Protein backbone atom coordinates (compact mmCIF):
# COMPACT_ATOMS: atom_id res chain seq x y z
CA MET A 1 -71.84 154.78 1.62
CA ARG A 2 -70.69 152.19 4.17
CA VAL A 3 -74.01 152.51 6.00
CA PHE A 4 -75.88 151.95 2.73
CA LYS A 5 -73.81 148.83 1.94
CA TYR A 6 -74.40 147.52 5.48
CA HIS A 7 -78.17 147.95 5.19
CA LEU A 8 -78.10 146.35 1.73
CA VAL A 9 -76.27 143.29 3.07
CA VAL A 10 -78.73 142.97 5.96
CA PHE A 11 -81.69 143.34 3.57
CA LEU A 12 -80.34 140.69 1.18
CA SER A 13 -79.64 138.30 4.09
CA LEU A 14 -83.20 138.68 5.39
CA LEU A 15 -84.58 138.19 1.90
CA LEU A 16 -82.53 135.00 1.41
CA ALA A 17 -83.68 133.62 4.76
CA LEU A 18 -87.30 134.37 3.85
CA PHE A 19 -87.05 132.52 0.53
CA SER A 20 -85.29 129.55 2.20
CA ALA A 21 -88.04 129.22 4.79
CA ALA A 22 -90.70 129.42 2.08
CA ALA A 23 -88.93 126.68 0.11
CA VAL A 24 -88.81 124.42 3.18
CA ASN A 25 -92.51 124.99 3.87
CA ALA A 26 -93.36 124.30 0.24
CA LYS A 27 -91.47 120.99 0.37
CA ALA A 28 -93.28 120.03 3.58
CA ILE A 29 -96.65 120.83 2.02
CA ASP A 30 -95.83 118.92 -1.17
CA TYR A 31 -94.70 115.88 0.84
CA LYS A 32 -97.85 115.93 2.95
CA TYR A 33 -99.96 116.21 -0.18
CA TYR A 34 -98.10 113.29 -1.77
CA LYS A 35 -98.67 111.12 1.30
CA ILE A 36 -102.40 111.87 1.23
CA GLU A 37 -102.59 111.15 -2.49
CA ALA A 38 -100.66 107.89 -2.06
CA ALA A 39 -103.06 106.75 0.64
CA GLN A 40 -106.03 107.53 -1.59
CA LYS A 41 -104.56 105.48 -4.43
CA ARG A 42 -104.55 102.21 -2.51
CA GLU A 43 -107.54 99.95 -2.06
CA ALA A 44 -108.22 96.92 0.11
CA LEU A 45 -108.25 93.52 -1.54
CA SER A 46 -109.15 91.79 1.72
CA GLN A 47 -109.47 92.18 5.47
CA PHE A 48 -109.70 89.40 8.04
CA SER A 49 -109.91 89.56 11.85
CA THR A 50 -109.63 87.05 14.68
CA LYS A 51 -110.39 87.42 18.40
CA TYR A 52 -107.78 86.96 21.11
CA ASN A 53 -107.55 87.18 24.88
CA LYS A 54 -105.45 90.18 25.89
CA ASN A 55 -105.17 88.77 29.43
CA ALA A 56 -102.88 86.06 28.07
CA GLN A 57 -100.02 88.51 28.28
CA ALA A 58 -97.12 86.40 26.95
CA ARG A 59 -99.18 85.19 24.01
CA THR A 60 -100.38 88.72 23.23
CA HIS A 61 -96.80 90.00 23.43
CA ASN A 62 -95.68 87.38 20.88
CA MET A 63 -98.54 88.25 18.56
CA LYS A 64 -97.53 91.91 18.66
CA LEU A 65 -93.93 91.11 17.71
CA ALA A 66 -94.96 88.86 14.81
CA SER A 67 -97.55 91.36 13.57
CA ILE A 68 -94.93 94.12 13.56
CA ALA A 69 -92.61 91.88 11.52
CA ILE A 70 -95.13 91.48 8.68
CA ASP A 71 -96.71 94.94 8.85
CA ASN A 72 -96.20 97.09 5.73
CA TYR A 73 -94.58 94.19 3.88
CA VAL A 74 -94.75 94.77 0.10
CA LEU A 75 -95.05 91.65 -2.06
CA GLU A 76 -94.17 92.29 -5.68
CA PRO A 77 -95.89 90.45 -8.57
CA GLY A 78 -94.64 86.89 -8.98
CA LYS A 79 -92.86 86.87 -5.59
CA ILE A 80 -93.53 84.41 -2.76
CA PHE A 81 -94.13 85.43 0.85
CA SER A 82 -92.75 83.10 3.52
CA PHE A 83 -93.98 83.65 7.07
CA ASN A 84 -90.96 81.92 8.58
CA GLU A 85 -88.51 83.98 6.53
CA VAL A 86 -90.17 87.31 7.31
CA VAL A 87 -90.86 86.73 11.02
CA GLY A 88 -87.74 84.66 11.63
CA TYR A 89 -86.97 82.50 14.64
CA ALA A 90 -89.32 83.45 17.48
CA GLY A 91 -86.76 83.02 20.24
CA PRO A 92 -85.89 84.94 23.42
CA GLN A 93 -83.10 86.84 21.68
CA LYS A 94 -85.78 88.59 19.63
CA GLY A 95 -87.93 89.29 22.65
CA TYR A 96 -90.40 86.41 22.33
CA LYS A 97 -91.83 84.81 25.47
CA LYS A 98 -93.02 81.32 26.37
CA ALA A 99 -96.70 80.60 25.73
CA VAL A 100 -98.88 77.62 24.84
CA ILE A 101 -98.27 75.82 21.53
CA PHE A 102 -99.58 72.52 20.15
CA VAL A 103 -97.21 69.59 19.67
CA GLU A 104 -98.79 66.41 18.28
CA GLY A 105 -102.16 67.38 19.69
CA LYS A 106 -100.85 68.23 23.16
CA GLU A 107 -100.37 71.64 24.77
CA GLU A 108 -96.84 72.71 25.67
CA GLU A 109 -95.15 75.97 26.49
CA ALA A 110 -92.52 77.28 24.12
CA TYR A 111 -91.09 80.55 22.89
CA GLY A 112 -93.27 82.24 20.30
CA GLY A 113 -96.54 80.66 21.37
CA GLY A 114 -99.39 82.59 19.78
CA ILE A 115 -97.78 83.64 16.53
CA CYS A 116 -99.75 80.98 14.67
CA GLN A 117 -102.80 83.18 15.19
CA VAL A 118 -100.95 85.82 13.20
CA SER A 119 -100.12 83.35 10.42
CA SER A 120 -103.68 81.98 10.42
CA THR A 121 -105.23 85.45 10.19
CA LEU A 122 -102.81 86.29 7.39
CA TYR A 123 -103.69 83.04 5.61
CA ASN A 124 -107.38 83.92 5.53
CA ALA A 125 -106.65 87.44 4.32
CA ALA A 126 -104.48 85.96 1.55
CA LEU A 127 -107.30 83.63 0.54
CA GLU A 128 -109.77 86.52 0.34
CA ALA A 129 -107.25 88.53 -1.69
CA LYS A 130 -107.11 85.61 -4.14
CA LEU A 131 -103.38 85.12 -3.67
CA GLU A 132 -101.98 81.72 -4.62
CA ILE A 133 -101.35 79.56 -1.56
CA VAL A 134 -98.06 77.72 -1.98
CA GLU A 135 -97.76 76.08 1.45
CA ARG A 136 -100.13 75.78 4.40
CA HIS A 137 -100.44 73.26 7.24
CA PRO A 138 -103.19 72.67 9.84
CA HIS A 139 -102.53 72.47 13.58
CA SER A 140 -102.48 69.08 15.28
CA LYS A 141 -105.37 70.30 17.44
CA ALA A 142 -108.34 72.57 16.74
CA VAL A 143 -107.71 76.28 17.45
CA HIS A 144 -110.28 78.66 18.89
CA TYR A 145 -109.72 81.71 16.68
CA VAL A 146 -110.66 80.35 13.21
CA GLU A 147 -112.95 77.66 11.82
CA LYS A 148 -111.64 74.17 11.17
CA GLY A 149 -109.55 74.09 8.02
CA LYS A 150 -108.88 77.84 8.15
CA ASP A 151 -105.77 77.76 10.35
CA ALA A 152 -102.12 77.91 9.27
CA ALA A 153 -99.56 76.36 11.61
CA THR A 154 -95.97 77.60 11.40
CA SER A 155 -92.72 76.52 13.02
CA TYR A 156 -89.35 78.03 12.13
CA GLY A 157 -87.29 75.41 10.30
CA GLY A 158 -90.40 73.28 9.82
CA VAL A 159 -93.91 73.96 8.54
CA ASP A 160 -94.45 77.33 6.92
CA LEU A 161 -97.12 79.56 5.40
CA LYS A 162 -96.24 80.63 1.88
CA PHE A 163 -98.27 82.39 -0.76
CA LYS A 164 -97.52 83.93 -4.13
CA ASN A 165 -98.61 87.28 -5.49
CA ASN A 166 -100.20 86.08 -8.70
CA HIS A 167 -101.64 89.51 -9.47
CA ARG A 168 -100.05 91.99 -11.85
CA PHE A 169 -99.60 94.63 -9.15
CA PRO A 170 -97.77 94.84 -5.81
CA VAL A 171 -99.73 94.15 -2.64
CA THR A 172 -99.05 95.42 0.87
CA ILE A 173 -99.76 93.61 4.14
CA ASN A 174 -101.04 95.79 6.98
CA THR A 175 -101.72 94.58 10.52
CA TYR A 176 -103.78 96.04 13.37
CA LEU A 177 -104.01 94.86 16.98
CA SER A 178 -106.90 96.20 19.07
CA ASP A 179 -107.98 95.33 22.61
CA ASP A 180 -109.60 92.04 21.60
CA SER A 181 -108.98 91.42 17.90
CA PHE A 182 -106.15 91.08 15.42
CA THR A 183 -106.69 92.21 11.82
CA VAL A 184 -104.75 91.69 8.62
CA GLU A 185 -105.52 93.85 5.61
CA ILE A 186 -104.06 93.28 2.15
CA LEU A 187 -103.96 96.32 -0.11
CA LYS A 188 -103.32 96.89 -3.79
CA TYR A 189 -102.06 100.00 -5.51
CA THR A 190 -104.46 101.48 -8.03
CA GLU A 191 -103.66 102.24 -11.67
CA GLU A 192 -102.93 105.92 -10.98
CA LEU A 193 -99.96 105.03 -8.79
CA HIS A 194 -98.45 102.05 -10.64
CA GLY A 195 -99.66 102.41 -14.21
CA ASP A 196 -101.53 99.71 -16.07
CA VAL A 197 -102.42 96.78 -13.79
């Protein structure tokens, strides 16, 4: 009788472990499926790219930090995006390096040089996505990465790039940095994910 009870306990323990493992696997499969479905239910409103020189290492480093700061940012309907608020002060305490910036039409070196290419690329993506531009300022000197009038200068505590999500659905900002180009993509969620838009 004791042997029978022992084998019964072992059998029930193995059975419980089997069901627990199956439940974990089922959750993992469901989560993976959800992630795939979520990705399929988003569509691009706009995409804009600019070229940069990867050999300008400090500048490229600053661009990477700023692009990471805005990547995957979700802007809800009616809300305003502020580049300065999201990226913050581009100082050495946040890992930014000195690179060329424009000050009253002259070139100088300062921390965060290069992040205006990120704001300018974002500005053009926002225009293509038909978002409402609230604030935008040109540089004091022509830049090489966008046409005249398509740039967006930023300076923490000073000029800013701001735009409003005037759509009836949330939008997400995605950024990509390749060997020679920087891309900003603005996505919307489709009706299946967020209901009537």
